[in-house]
Amino acid sequence: MRFLVFVLGVCLLLLQYRLWVSEQGVREVWRLQAQQSAQRTENATQRERNRRLAAEVSDLRGGLTALEERARSDLGMVARNETFYQVVSGPVPPAGAGHEPRGALTARAQ
């Protein structure tokens, strides 16, 4: 009878070891749950991206305003009856005027 209790105890210990320590135990379940959570987050991000792309495709198919906006922003196009103005901030020094770039170190003779 004691031998049977000993064998059952050893079997119980081996099963507990396999459950808590081995590669196919609880650690694997925790790893898979974390991986599943990360995948769900990625899926939500991709679902939102797909929704935005579907809306953009619908706009491009449906009207000219979205197409015109895309041409203006991506290709820099201007309509025939429009005038393009470019505003440059600050004075631009003439080329070859001998101005040193900002932050340049110069050596002065004393």
PDB file of N, CA and C in Angstrom:
ATOM      1  N   MET A   1       0.812  -1.184   0.000  1.00  0.00           N
ATOM      2  CA  MET A   1       0.000   0.000   0.000  1.00  0.00           C
ATOM      3  C   MET A   1       0.870   1.268   0.000  1.00  0.00           C
ATOM      4  N   ARG A   2       1.956   1.240   0.768  1.00  0.00           N
ATOM      5  CA  ARG A   2       2.842   2.405   0.813  1.00  0.00           C
ATOM      6  C   ARG A   2       3.514   2.632  -0.548  1.00  0.00           C
ATOM      7  N   PHE A   3       3.807   1.551  -1.219  1.00  0.00           N
ATOM      8  CA  PHE A   3       4.427   1.682  -2.541  1.00  0.00           C
ATOM      9  C   PHE A   3       3.469   2.373  -3.513  1.00  0.00           C
ATOM     10  N   LEU A   4       2.189   2.034  -3.464  1.00  0.00           N
ATOM     11  CA  LEU A   4       1.189   2.646  -4.336  1.00  0.00           C
ATOM     12  C   LEU A   4       1.044   4.134  -4.021  1.00  0.00           C
ATOM     13  N   VAL A   5       1.050   4.518  -2.772  1.00  0.00           N
ATOM     14  CA  VAL A   5       0.974   5.927  -2.376  1.00  0.00           C
ATOM     15  C   VAL A   5       2.227   6.666  -2.852  1.00  0.00           C
ATOM     16  N   PHE A   6       3.377   6.038  -2.742  1.00  0.00           N
ATOM     17  CA  PHE A   6       4.624   6.646  -3.211  1.00  0.00           C
ATOM     18  C   PHE A   6       4.582   6.865  -4.724  1.00  0.00           C
ATOM     19  N   VAL A   7       4.137   5.871  -5.480  1.00  0.00           N
ATOM     20  CA  VAL A   7       4.056   5.987  -6.944  1.00  0.00           C
ATOM     21  C   VAL A   7       3.068   7.073  -7.332  1.00  0.00           C
ATOM     22  N   LEU A   8       1.930   7.134  -6.672  1.00  0.00           N
ATOM     23  CA  LEU A   8       0.949   8.183  -6.970  1.00  0.00           C
ATOM     24  C   LEU A   8       1.489   9.565  -6.607  1.00  0.00           C
ATOM     25  N   GLY A   9       2.240   9.669  -5.532  1.00  0.00           N
ATOM     26  CA  GLY A   9       2.854  10.936  -5.149  1.00  0.00           C
ATOM     27  C   GLY A   9       3.878  11.401  -6.170  1.00  0.00           C
ATOM     28  N   VAL A  10       4.689  10.474  -6.661  1.00  0.00           N
ATOM     29  CA  VAL A  10       5.682  10.811  -7.686  1.00  0.00           C
ATOM     30  C   VAL A  10       4.979  11.247  -8.969  1.00  0.00           C
ATOM     31  N   CYS A  11       3.908  10.547  -9.334  1.00  0.00           N
ATOM     32  CA  CYS A  11       3.141  10.934 -10.536  1.00  0.00           C
ATOM     33  C   CYS A  11       2.556  12.331 -10.370  1.00  0.00           C
ATOM     34  N   LEU A  12       2.047  12.617  -9.185  1.00  0.00           N
ATOM     35  CA  LEU A  12       1.490  13.945  -8.921  1.00  0.00           C
ATOM     36  C   LEU A  12       2.566  15.024  -9.028  1.00  0.00           C
ATOM     37  N   LEU A  13       3.739  14.764  -8.493  1.00  0.00           N
ATOM     38  CA  LEU A  13       4.842  15.723  -8.585  1.00  0.00           C
ATOM     39  C   LEU A  13       5.284  15.938 -10.037  1.00  0.00           C
ATOM     40  N   LEU A  14       5.353  14.865 -10.800  1.00  0.00           N
ATOM     41  CA  LEU A  14       5.733  14.993 -12.218  1.00  0.00           C
ATOM     42  C   LEU A  14       4.695  15.787 -13.002  1.00  0.00           C
ATOM     43  N   LEU A  15       3.422  15.554 -12.717  1.00  0.00           N
ATOM     44  CA  LEU A  15       2.377  16.323 -13.394  1.00  0.00           C
ATOM     45  C   LEU A  15       2.429  17.806 -13.002  1.00  0.00           C
ATOM     46  N   GLN A  16       2.698  18.091 -11.734  1.00  0.00           N
ATOM     47  CA  GLN A  16       2.826  19.475 -11.278  1.00  0.00           C
ATOM     48  C   GLN A  16       4.034  20.146 -11.940  1.00  0.00           C
ATOM     49  N   TYR A  17       5.130  19.402 -12.041  1.00  0.00           N
ATOM     50  CA  TYR A  17       6.314  19.936 -12.725  1.00  0.00           C
ATOM     51  C   TYR A  17       5.968  20.283 -14.164  1.00  0.00           C
ATOM     52  N   ARG A  18       5.297  19.356 -14.832  1.00  0.00           N
ATOM     53  CA  ARG A  18       4.948  19.583 -16.238  1.00  0.00           C
ATOM     54  C   ARG A  18       4.005  20.770 -16.377  1.00  0.00           C
ATOM     55  N   LEU A  19       3.102  20.929 -15.437  1.00  0.00           N
ATOM     56  CA  LEU A  19       2.145  22.030 -15.488  1.00  0.00           C
ATOM     57  C   LEU A  19       2.821  23.383 -15.279  1.00  0.00           C
ATOM     58  N   TRP A  20       3.688  23.518 -14.297  1.00  0.00           N
ATOM     59  CA  TRP A  20       4.230  24.812 -13.917  1.00  0.00           C
ATOM     60  C   TRP A  20       5.579  25.159 -14.532  1.00  0.00           C
ATOM     61  N   VAL A  21       6.401  24.159 -14.865  1.00  0.00           N
ATOM     62  CA  VAL A  21       7.774  24.459 -15.262  1.00  0.00           C
ATOM     63  C   VAL A  21       8.052  24.174 -16.726  1.00  0.00           C
ATOM     64  N   SER A  22       7.440  23.169 -17.291  1.00  0.00           N
ATOM     65  CA  SER A  22       7.816  22.739 -18.636  1.00  0.00           C
ATOM     66  C   SER A  22       7.390  23.755 -19.698  1.00  0.00           C
ATOM     67  N   GLU A  23       7.870  23.553 -20.911  1.00  0.00           N
ATOM     68  CA  GLU A  23       7.587  24.440 -22.036  1.00  0.00           C
ATOM     69  C   GLU A  23       6.119  24.402 -22.460  1.00  0.00           C
ATOM     70  N   GLN A  24       5.409  23.361 -22.122  1.00  0.00           N
ATOM     71  CA  GLN A  24       4.018  23.212 -22.554  1.00  0.00           C
ATOM     72  C   GLN A  24       3.042  23.467 -21.415  1.00  0.00           C
ATOM     73  N   GLY A  25       3.467  24.147 -20.392  1.00  0.00           N
ATOM     74  CA  GLY A  25       2.637  24.354 -19.218  1.00  0.00           C
ATOM     75  C   GLY A  25       2.024  25.739 -19.165  1.00  0.00           C
ATOM     76  N   VAL A  26       1.919  26.242 -17.965  1.00  0.00           N
ATOM     77  CA  VAL A  26       1.256  27.514 -17.706  1.00  0.00           C
ATOM     78  C   VAL A  26       2.015  28.680 -18.346  1.00  0.00           C
ATOM     79  N   ARG A  27       3.337  28.619 -18.354  1.00  0.00           N
ATOM     80  CA  ARG A  27       4.107  29.705 -18.989  1.00  0.00           C
ATOM     81  C   ARG A  27       3.766  29.844 -20.458  1.00  0.00           C
ATOM     82  N   GLU A  28       3.553  28.734 -21.127  1.00  0.00           N
ATOM     83  CA  GLU A  28       3.166  28.776 -22.544  1.00  0.00           C
ATOM     84  C   GLU A  28       1.789  29.411 -22.708  1.00  0.00           C
ATOM     85  N   VAL A  29       0.880  29.099 -21.812  1.00  0.00           N
ATOM     86  CA  VAL A  29      -0.454  29.704 -21.858  1.00  0.00           C
ATOM     87  C   VAL A  29      -0.355  31.209 -21.662  1.00  0.00           C
ATOM     88  N   TRP A  30       0.441  31.649 -20.694  1.00  0.00           N
ATOM     89  CA  TRP A  30       0.618  33.083 -20.459  1.00  0.00           C
ATOM     90  C   TRP A  30       1.245  33.763 -21.676  1.00  0.00           C
ATOM     91  N   ARG A  31       2.226  33.130 -22.282  1.00  0.00           N
ATOM     92  CA  ARG A  31       2.868  33.696 -23.468  1.00  0.00           C
ATOM     93  C   ARG A  31       1.871  33.819 -24.611  1.00  0.00           C
ATOM     94  N   LEU A  32       1.058  32.789 -24.800  1.00  0.00           N
ATOM     95  CA  LEU A  32       0.065  32.817 -25.867  1.00  0.00           C
ATOM     96  C   LEU A  32      -1.017  33.863 -25.613  1.00  0.00           C
ATOM     97  N   GLN A  33      -1.387  34.058 -24.360  1.00  0.00           N
ATOM     98  CA  GLN A  33      -2.365  35.098 -24.039  1.00  0.00           C
ATOM     99  C   GLN A  33      -1.810  36.488 -24.324  1.00  0.00           C
ATOM    100  N   ALA A  34      -0.547  36.708 -23.998  1.00  0.00           N
ATOM    101  CA  ALA A  34       0.083  38.001 -24.296  1.00  0.00           C
ATOM    102  C   ALA A  34       0.181  38.208 -25.801  1.00  0.00           C
ATOM    103  N   GLN A  35       0.529  37.168 -26.519  1.00  0.00           N
ATOM    104  CA  GLN A  35       0.622  37.248 -27.976  1.00  0.00           C
ATOM    105  C   GLN A  35      -0.759  37.518 -28.578  1.00  0.00           C
ATOM    106  N   GLN A  36      -1.784  36.898 -28.027  1.00  0.00           N
ATOM    107  CA  GLN A  36      -3.143  37.108 -28.511  1.00  0.00           C
ATOM    108  C   GLN A  36      -3.578  38.554 -28.263  1.00  0.00           C
ATOM    109  N   SER A  37      -3.245  39.095 -27.112  1.00  0.00           N
ATOM    110  CA  SER A  37      -3.585  40.480 -26.802  1.00  0.00           C
ATOM    111  C   SER A  37      -2.887  41.452 -27.759  1.00  0.00           C
ATOM    112  N   ALA A  38      -1.614  41.202 -28.020  1.00  0.00           N
ATOM    113  CA  ALA A  38      -0.873  42.050 -28.961  1.00  0.00           C
ATOM    114  C   ALA A  38      -1.464  41.947 -30.366  1.00  0.00           C
ATOM    115  N   GLN A  39      -1.871  40.761 -30.758  1.00  0.00           N
ATOM    116  CA  GLN A  39      -2.458  40.575 -32.083  1.00  0.00           C
ATOM    117  C   GLN A  39      -3.807  41.278 -32.190  1.00  0.00           C
ATOM    118  N   ARG A  40      -4.585  41.252 -31.119  1.00  0.00           N
ATOM    119  CA  ARG A  40      -5.873  41.963 -31.133  1.00  0.00           C
ATOM    120  C   ARG A  40      -5.662  43.463 -31.273  1.00  0.00           C
ATOM    121  N   THR A  41      -4.652  44.002 -30.600  1.00  0.00           N
ATOM    122  CA  THR A  41      -4.343  45.424 -30.723  1.00  0.00           C
ATOM    123  C   THR A  41      -3.930  45.758 -32.152  1.00  0.00           C
ATOM    124  N   GLU A  42      -3.083  44.931 -32.725  1.00  0.00           N
ATOM    125  CA  GLU A  42      -2.651  45.134 -34.113  1.00  0.00           C
ATOM    126  C   GLU A  42      -3.831  45.035 -35.074  1.00  0.00           C
ATOM    127  N   ASN A  43      -4.731  44.082 -34.827  1.00  0.00           N
ATOM    128  CA  ASN A  43      -5.908  43.934 -35.679  1.00  0.00           C
ATOM    129  C   ASN A  43      -6.800  45.166 -35.609  1.00  0.00           C
ATOM    130  N   ALA A  44      -6.964  45.727 -34.417  1.00  0.00           N
ATOM    131  CA  ALA A  44      -7.776  46.937 -34.269  1.00  0.00           C
ATOM    132  C   ALA A  44      -7.151  48.098 -35.035  1.00  0.00           C
ATOM    133  N   THR A  45      -5.831  48.215 -34.967  1.00  0.00           N
ATOM    134  CA  THR A  45      -5.138  49.270 -35.704  1.00  0.00           C
ATOM    135  C   THR A  45      -5.317  49.092 -37.208  1.00  0.00           C
ATOM    136  N   GLN A  46      -5.152  47.874 -37.681  1.00  0.00           N
ATOM    137  CA  GLN A  46      -5.308  47.603 -39.110  1.00  0.00           C
ATOM    138  C   GLN A  46      -6.765  47.781 -39.563  1.00  0.00           C
ATOM    139  N   ARG A  47      -7.718  47.436 -38.690  1.00  0.00           N
ATOM    140  CA  ARG A  47      -9.131  47.619 -39.023  1.00  0.00           C
ATOM    141  C   ARG A  47      -9.442  49.101 -39.210  1.00  0.00           C
ATOM    142  N   GLU A  48      -8.902  49.951 -38.326  1.00  0.00           N
ATOM    143  CA  GLU A  48      -9.100  51.396 -38.447  1.00  0.00           C
ATOM    144  C   GLU A  48      -8.441  51.926 -39.721  1.00  0.00           C
ATOM    145  N   ARG A  49      -7.263  51.447 -40.041  1.00  0.00           N
ATOM    146  CA  ARG A  49      -6.573  51.861 -41.270  1.00  0.00           C
ATOM    147  C   ARG A  49      -7.379  51.454 -42.501  1.00  0.00           C
ATOM    148  N   ASN A  50      -7.902  50.237 -42.492  1.00  0.00           N
ATOM    149  CA  ASN A  50      -8.718  49.770 -43.616  1.00  0.00           C
ATOM    150  C   ASN A  50      -9.992  50.596 -43.760  1.00  0.00           C
ATOM    151  N   ARG A  51     -10.582  50.999 -42.627  1.00  0.00           N
ATOM    152  CA  ARG A  51     -11.784  51.822 -42.685  1.00  0.00           C
ATOM    153  C   ARG A  51     -11.487  53.177 -43.328  1.00  0.00           C
ATOM    154  N   ARG A  52     -10.339  53.780 -42.937  1.00  0.00           N
ATOM    155  CA  ARG A  52      -9.961  55.066 -43.526  1.00  0.00           C
ATOM    156  C   ARG A  52      -9.666  54.937 -45.018  1.00  0.00           C
ATOM    157  N   LEU A  53      -8.981  53.863 -45.404  1.00  0.00           N
ATOM    158  CA  LEU A  53      -8.679  53.662 -46.825  1.00  0.00           C
ATOM    159  C   LEU A  53      -9.954  53.426 -47.624  1.00  0.00           C
ATOM    160  N   ALA A  54     -10.906  52.682 -47.081  1.00  0.00           N
ATOM    161  CA  ALA A  54     -12.176  52.448 -47.780  1.00  0.00           C
ATOM    162  C   ALA A  54     -12.933  53.757 -47.949  1.00  0.00           C
ATOM    163  N   ALA A  55     -12.906  54.625 -46.931  1.00  0.00           N
ATOM    164  CA  ALA A  55     -13.564  55.926 -47.042  1.00  0.00           C
ATOM    165  C   ALA A  55     -12.885  56.787 -48.103  1.00  0.00           C
ATOM    166  N   GLU A  56     -11.561  56.728 -48.156  1.00  0.00           N
ATOM    167  CA  GLU A  56     -10.834  57.510 -49.169  1.00  0.00           C
ATOM    168  C   GLU A  56     -11.129  56.998 -50.575  1.00  0.00           C
ATOM    169  N   VAL A  57     -11.178  55.694 -50.750  1.00  0.00           N
ATOM    170  CA  VAL A  57     -11.503  55.122 -52.058  1.00  0.00           C
ATOM    171  C   VAL A  57     -12.916  55.525 -52.461  1.00  0.00           C
ATOM    172  N   SER A  58     -13.834  55.488 -51.514  1.00  0.00           N
ATOM    173  CA  SER A  58     -15.210  55.890 -51.801  1.00  0.00           C
ATOM    174  C   SER A  58     -15.273  57.356 -52.218  1.00  0.00           C
ATOM    175  N   ASP A  59     -14.517  58.215 -51.523  1.00  0.00           N
ATOM    176  CA  ASP A  59     -14.478  59.631 -51.892  1.00  0.00           C
ATOM    177  C   ASP A  59     -13.876  59.831 -53.272  1.00  0.00           C
ATOM    178  N   LEU A  60     -12.800  59.102 -53.578  1.00  0.00           N
ATOM    179  CA  LEU A  60     -12.153  59.255 -54.883  1.00  0.00           C
ATOM    180  C   LEU A  60     -13.049  58.768 -56.015  1.00  0.00           C
ATOM    181  N   ARG A  61     -13.830  57.733 -55.760  1.00  0.00           N
ATOM    182  CA  ARG A  61     -14.742  57.233 -56.791  1.00  0.00           C
ATOM    183  C   ARG A  61     -15.960  58.131 -56.954  1.00  0.00           C
ATOM    184  N   GLY A  62     -16.402  58.733 -55.864  1.00  0.00           N
ATOM    185  CA  GLY A  62     -17.666  59.454 -55.872  1.00  0.00           C
ATOM    186  C   GLY A  62     -17.602  60.871 -56.383  1.00  0.00           C
ATOM    187  N   GLY A  63     -16.558  61.593 -56.146  1.00  0.00           N
ATOM    188  CA  GLY A  63     -16.571  62.996 -56.527  1.00  0.00           C
ATOM    189  C   GLY A  63     -15.209  63.498 -56.941  1.00  0.00           C
ATOM    190  N   LEU A  64     -15.235  64.688 -57.517  1.00  0.00           N
ATOM    191  CA  LEU A  64     -13.993  65.285 -57.996  1.00  0.00           C
ATOM    192  C   LEU A  64     -13.273  66.083 -56.915  1.00  0.00           C
ATOM    193  N   THR A  65     -13.972  66.444 -55.854  1.00  0.00           N
ATOM    194  CA  THR A  65     -13.323  67.270 -54.824  1.00  0.00           C
ATOM    195  C   THR A  65     -12.195  66.509 -54.135  1.00  0.00           C
ATOM    196  N   ALA A  66     -12.426  65.244 -53.828  1.00  0.00           N
ATOM    197  CA  ALA A  66     -11.362  64.458 -53.186  1.00  0.00           C
ATOM    198  C   ALA A  66     -10.201  64.246 -54.146  1.00  0.00           C
ATOM    199  N   LEU A  67     -10.519  64.021 -55.408  1.00  0.00           N
ATOM    200  CA  LEU A  67      -9.476  63.833 -56.416  1.00  0.00           C
ATOM    201  C   LEU A  67      -8.671  65.118 -56.593  1.00  0.00           C
ATOM    202  N   GLU A  68      -9.365  66.248 -56.603  1.00  0.00           N
ATOM    203  CA  GLU A  68      -8.682  67.531 -56.743  1.00  0.00           C
ATOM    204  C   GLU A  68      -7.815  67.821 -55.521  1.00  0.00           C
ATOM    205  N   GLU A  69      -8.325  67.524 -54.346  1.00  0.00           N
ATOM    206  CA  GLU A  69      -7.544  67.724 -53.125  1.00  0.00           C
ATOM    207  C   GLU A  69      -6.287  66.866 -53.130  1.00  0.00           C
ATOM    208  N   ARG A  70      -6.424  65.640 -53.589  1.00  0.00           N
ATOM    209  CA  ARG A  70      -5.271  64.728 -53.663  1.00  0.00           C
ATOM    210  C   ARG A  70      -4.228  65.257 -54.649  1.00  0.00           C
ATOM    211  N   ALA A  71      -4.674  65.762 -55.793  1.00  0.00           N
ATOM    212  CA  ALA A  71      -3.753  66.310 -56.793  1.00  0.00           C
ATOM    213  C   ALA A  71      -3.024  67.537 -56.249  1.00  0.00           C
ATOM    214  N   ARG A  72      -3.727  68.363 -55.487  1.00  0.00           N
ATOM    215  CA  ARG A  72      -3.093  69.563 -54.925  1.00  0.00           C
ATOM    216  C   ARG A  72      -2.038  69.199 -53.881  1.00  0.00           C
ATOM    217  N   SER A  73      -2.405  68.303 -52.975  1.00  0.00           N
ATOM    218  CA  SER A  73      -1.489  68.021 -51.868  1.00  0.00           C
ATOM    219  C   SER A  73      -0.323  67.129 -52.289  1.00  0.00           C
ATOM    220  N   ASP A  74      -0.586  66.097 -53.073  1.00  0.00           N
ATOM    221  CA  ASP A  74       0.475  65.147 -53.424  1.00  0.00           C
ATOM    222  C   ASP A  74       1.308  65.582 -54.618  1.00  0.00           C
ATOM    223  N   LEU A  75       0.666  66.174 -55.600  1.00  0.00           N
ATOM    224  CA  LEU A  75       1.375  66.493 -56.834  1.00  0.00           C
ATOM    225  C   LEU A  75       1.665  67.981 -56.995  1.00  0.00           C
ATOM    226  N   GLY A  76       1.113  68.828 -56.120  1.00  0.00           N
ATOM    227  CA  GLY A  76       1.355  70.265 -56.202  1.00  0.00           C
ATOM    228  C   GLY A  76       0.692  70.906 -57.412  1.00  0.00           C
ATOM    229  N   MET A  77      -0.405  70.362 -57.858  1.00  0.00           N
ATOM    230  CA  MET A  77      -1.087  70.894 -59.042  1.00  0.00           C
ATOM    231  C   MET A  77      -1.935  72.104 -58.686  1.00  0.00           C
ATOM    232  N   VAL A  78      -2.143  72.978 -59.668  1.00  0.00           N
ATOM    233  CA  VAL A  78      -2.937  74.188 -59.515  1.00  0.00           C
ATOM    234  C   VAL A  78      -3.958  74.213 -60.650  1.00  0.00           C
ATOM    235  N   ALA A  79      -5.171  74.671 -60.354  1.00  0.00           N
ATOM    236  CA  ALA A  79      -6.218  74.739 -61.379  1.00  0.00           C
ATOM    237  C   ALA A  79      -5.893  75.836 -62.378  1.00  0.00           C
ATOM    238  N   ARG A  80      -6.554  75.801 -63.529  1.00  0.00           N
ATOM    239  CA  ARG A  80      -6.254  76.770 -64.600  1.00  0.00           C
ATOM    240  C   ARG A  80      -6.589  78.204 -64.208  1.00  0.00           C
ATOM    241  N   ASN A  81      -7.652  78.403 -63.472  1.00  0.00           N
ATOM    242  CA  ASN A  81      -8.063  79.766 -63.142  1.00  0.00           C
ATOM    243  C   ASN A  81      -7.486  80.245 -61.809  1.00  0.00           C
ATOM    244  N   GLU A  82      -6.479  79.583 -61.298  1.00  0.00           N
ATOM    245  CA  GLU A  82      -5.872  79.957 -60.024  1.00  0.00           C
ATOM    246  C   GLU A  82      -4.459  80.490 -60.247  1.00  0.00           C
ATOM    247  N   THR A  83      -4.015  81.295 -59.299  1.00  0.00           N
ATOM    248  CA  THR A  83      -2.653  81.807 -59.306  1.00  0.00           C
ATOM    249  C   THR A  83      -1.953  81.268 -58.075  1.00  0.00           C
ATOM    250  N   PHE A  84      -0.759  80.770 -58.262  1.00  0.00           N
ATOM    251  CA  PHE A  84       0.005  80.189 -57.163  1.00  0.00           C
ATOM    252  C   PHE A  84       0.963  81.230 -56.620  1.00  0.00           C
ATOM    253  N   TYR A  85       0.890  81.472 -55.320  1.00  0.00           N
ATOM    254  CA  TYR A  85       1.798  82.386 -54.650  1.00  0.00           C
ATOM    255  C   TYR A  85       2.615  81.595 -53.647  1.00  0.00           C
ATOM    256  N   GLN A  86       3.913  81.831 -53.629  1.00  0.00           N
ATOM    257  CA  GLN A  86       4.780  81.188 -52.654  1.00  0.00           C
ATOM    258  C   GLN A  86       5.322  82.269 -51.740  1.00  0.00           C
ATOM    259  N   VAL A  87       5.092  82.132 -50.459  1.00  0.00           N
ATOM    260  CA  VAL A  87       5.531  83.118 -49.475  1.00  0.00           C
ATOM    261  C   VAL A  87       6.816  82.594 -48.839  1.00  0.00           C
ATOM    262  N   VAL A  88       7.855  83.396 -48.952  1.00  0.00           N
ATOM    263  CA  VAL A  88       9.142  83.038 -48.373  1.00  0.00           C
ATOM    264  C   VAL A  88       9.331  83.911 -47.138  1.00  0.00           C
ATOM    265  N   SER A  89       9.600  83.299 -46.023  1.00  0.00           N
ATOM    266  CA  SER A  89       9.763  84.078 -44.798  1.00  0.00           C
ATOM    267  C   SER A  89      11.215  84.485 -44.626  1.00  0.00           C
ATOM    268  N   GLY A  90      11.434  85.740 -44.248  1.00  0.00           N
ATOM    269  CA  GLY A  90      12.771  86.239 -43.975  1.00  0.00           C
ATOM    270  C   GLY A  90      13.518  86.611 -45.244  1.00  0.00           C
ATOM    271  N   PRO A  91      14.494  87.499 -45.107  1.00  0.00           N
ATOM    272  CA  PRO A  91      15.281  87.900 -46.278  1.00  0.00           C
ATOM    273  C   PRO A  91      16.224  86.785 -46.718  1.00  0.00           C
ATOM    274  N   VAL A  92      16.394  86.692 -48.010  1.00  0.00           N
ATOM    275  CA  VAL A  92      17.292  85.694 -48.576  1.00  0.00           C
ATOM    276  C   VAL A  92      18.540  86.418 -49.052  1.00  0.00           C
ATOM    277  N   PRO A  93      19.726  86.072 -48.541  1.00  0.00           N
ATOM    278  CA  PRO A  93      20.945  86.768 -48.976  1.00  0.00           C
ATOM    279  C   PRO A  93      21.248  86.421 -50.435  1.00  0.00           C
ATOM    280  N   PRO A  94      21.792  87.378 -51.168  1.00  0.00           N
ATOM    281  CA  PRO A  94      22.146  87.091 -52.565  1.00  0.00           C
ATOM    282  C   PRO A  94      23.248  86.047 -52.643  1.00  0.00           C
ATOM    283  N   ALA A  95      23.228  85.300 -53.692  1.00  0.00           N
ATOM    284  CA  ALA A  95      24.217  84.235 -53.867  1.00  0.00           C
ATOM    285  C   ALA A  95      25.600  84.829 -54.051  1.00  0.00           C
ATOM    286  N   GLY A  96      26.593  84.261 -53.378  1.00  0.00           N
ATOM    287  CA  GLY A  96      27.980  84.687 -53.530  1.00  0.00           C
ATOM    288  C   GLY A  96      28.294  85.998 -52.841  1.00  0.00           C
ATOM    289  N   ALA A  97      27.467  86.419 -51.885  1.00  0.00           N
ATOM    290  CA  ALA A  97      27.699  87.694 -51.216  1.00  0.00           C
ATOM    291  C   ALA A  97      28.725  87.573 -50.103  1.00  0.00           C
ATOM    292  N   GLY A  98      29.242  86.397 -49.885  1.00  0.00           N
ATOM    293  CA  GLY A  98      30.277  86.218 -48.883  1.00  0.00           C
ATOM    294  C   GLY A  98      29.739  86.058 -47.473  1.00  0.00           C
ATOM    295  N   HIS A  99      28.487  85.783 -47.352  1.00  0.00           N
ATOM    296  CA  HIS A  99      27.919  85.569 -46.017  1.00  0.00           C
ATOM    297  C   HIS A  99      28.287  84.183 -45.529  1.00  0.00           C
ATOM    298  N   GLU A 100      28.637  84.141 -44.261  1.00  0.00           N
ATOM    299  CA  GLU A 100      28.962  82.848 -43.666  1.00  0.00           C
ATOM    300  C   GLU A 100      27.671  82.205 -43.168  1.00  0.00           C
ATOM    301  N   PRO A 101      27.600  80.914 -43.232  1.00  0.00           N
ATOM    302  CA  PRO A 101      26.410  80.264 -42.706  1.00  0.00           C
ATOM    303  C   PRO A 101      26.314  80.454 -41.200  1.00  0.00           C
ATOM    304  N   ARG A 102      25.103  80.419 -40.701  1.00  0.00           N
ATOM    305  CA  ARG A 102      24.901  80.583 -39.271  1.00  0.00           C
ATOM    306  C   ARG A 102      25.605  79.481 -38.515  1.00  0.00           C
ATOM    307  N   GLY A 103      26.201  79.840 -37.420  1.00  0.00           N
ATOM    308  CA  GLY A 103      26.871  78.868 -36.592  1.00  0.00           C
ATOM    309  C   GLY A 103      28.264  78.482 -37.058  1.00  0.00           C
ATOM    310  N   ALA A 104      28.756  79.100 -38.112  1.00  0.00           N
ATOM    311  CA  ALA A 104      30.074  78.750 -38.626  1.00  0.00           C
ATOM    312  C   ALA A 104      31.136  79.386 -37.728  1.00  0.00           C
ATOM    313  N   LEU A 105      32.162  78.661 -37.460  1.00  0.00           N
ATOM    314  CA  LEU A 105      33.264  79.173 -36.655  1.00  0.00           C
ATOM    315  C   LEU A 105      34.283  79.838 -37.562  1.00  0.00           C
ATOM    316  N   THR A 106      34.709  81.005 -37.170  1.00  0.00           N
ATOM    317  CA  THR A 106      35.716  81.702 -37.978  1.00  0.00           C
ATOM    318  C   THR A 106      36.906  82.038 -37.091  1.00  0.00           C
ATOM    319  N   ALA A 107      38.071  82.071 -37.705  1.00  0.00           N
ATOM    320  CA  ALA A 107      39.299  82.425 -36.981  1.00  0.00           C
ATOM    321  C   ALA A 107      39.658  83.851 -37.367  1.00  0.00           C
ATOM    322  N   ARG A 108      39.868  84.656 -36.372  1.00  0.00           N
ATOM    323  CA  ARG A 108      40.228  86.057 -36.641  1.00  0.00           C
ATOM    324  C   ARG A 108      41.694  86.286 -36.238  1.00  0.00           C
ATOM    325  N   ALA A 109      42.394  86.990 -37.073  1.00  0.00           N
ATOM    326  CA  ALA A 109      43.804  87.319 -36.754  1.00  0.00           C
ATOM    327  C   ALA A 109      43.831  88.495 -35.815  1.00  0.00           C
ATOM    328  N   GLN A 110      44.692  88.450 -34.822  1.00  0.00           N
ATOM    329  CA  GLN A 110      44.760  89.554 -33.864  1.00  0.00           C
ATOM    330  C   GLN A 110      46.068  90.251 -33.968  1.00  0.00           C
TER     331      GLN A 110
END
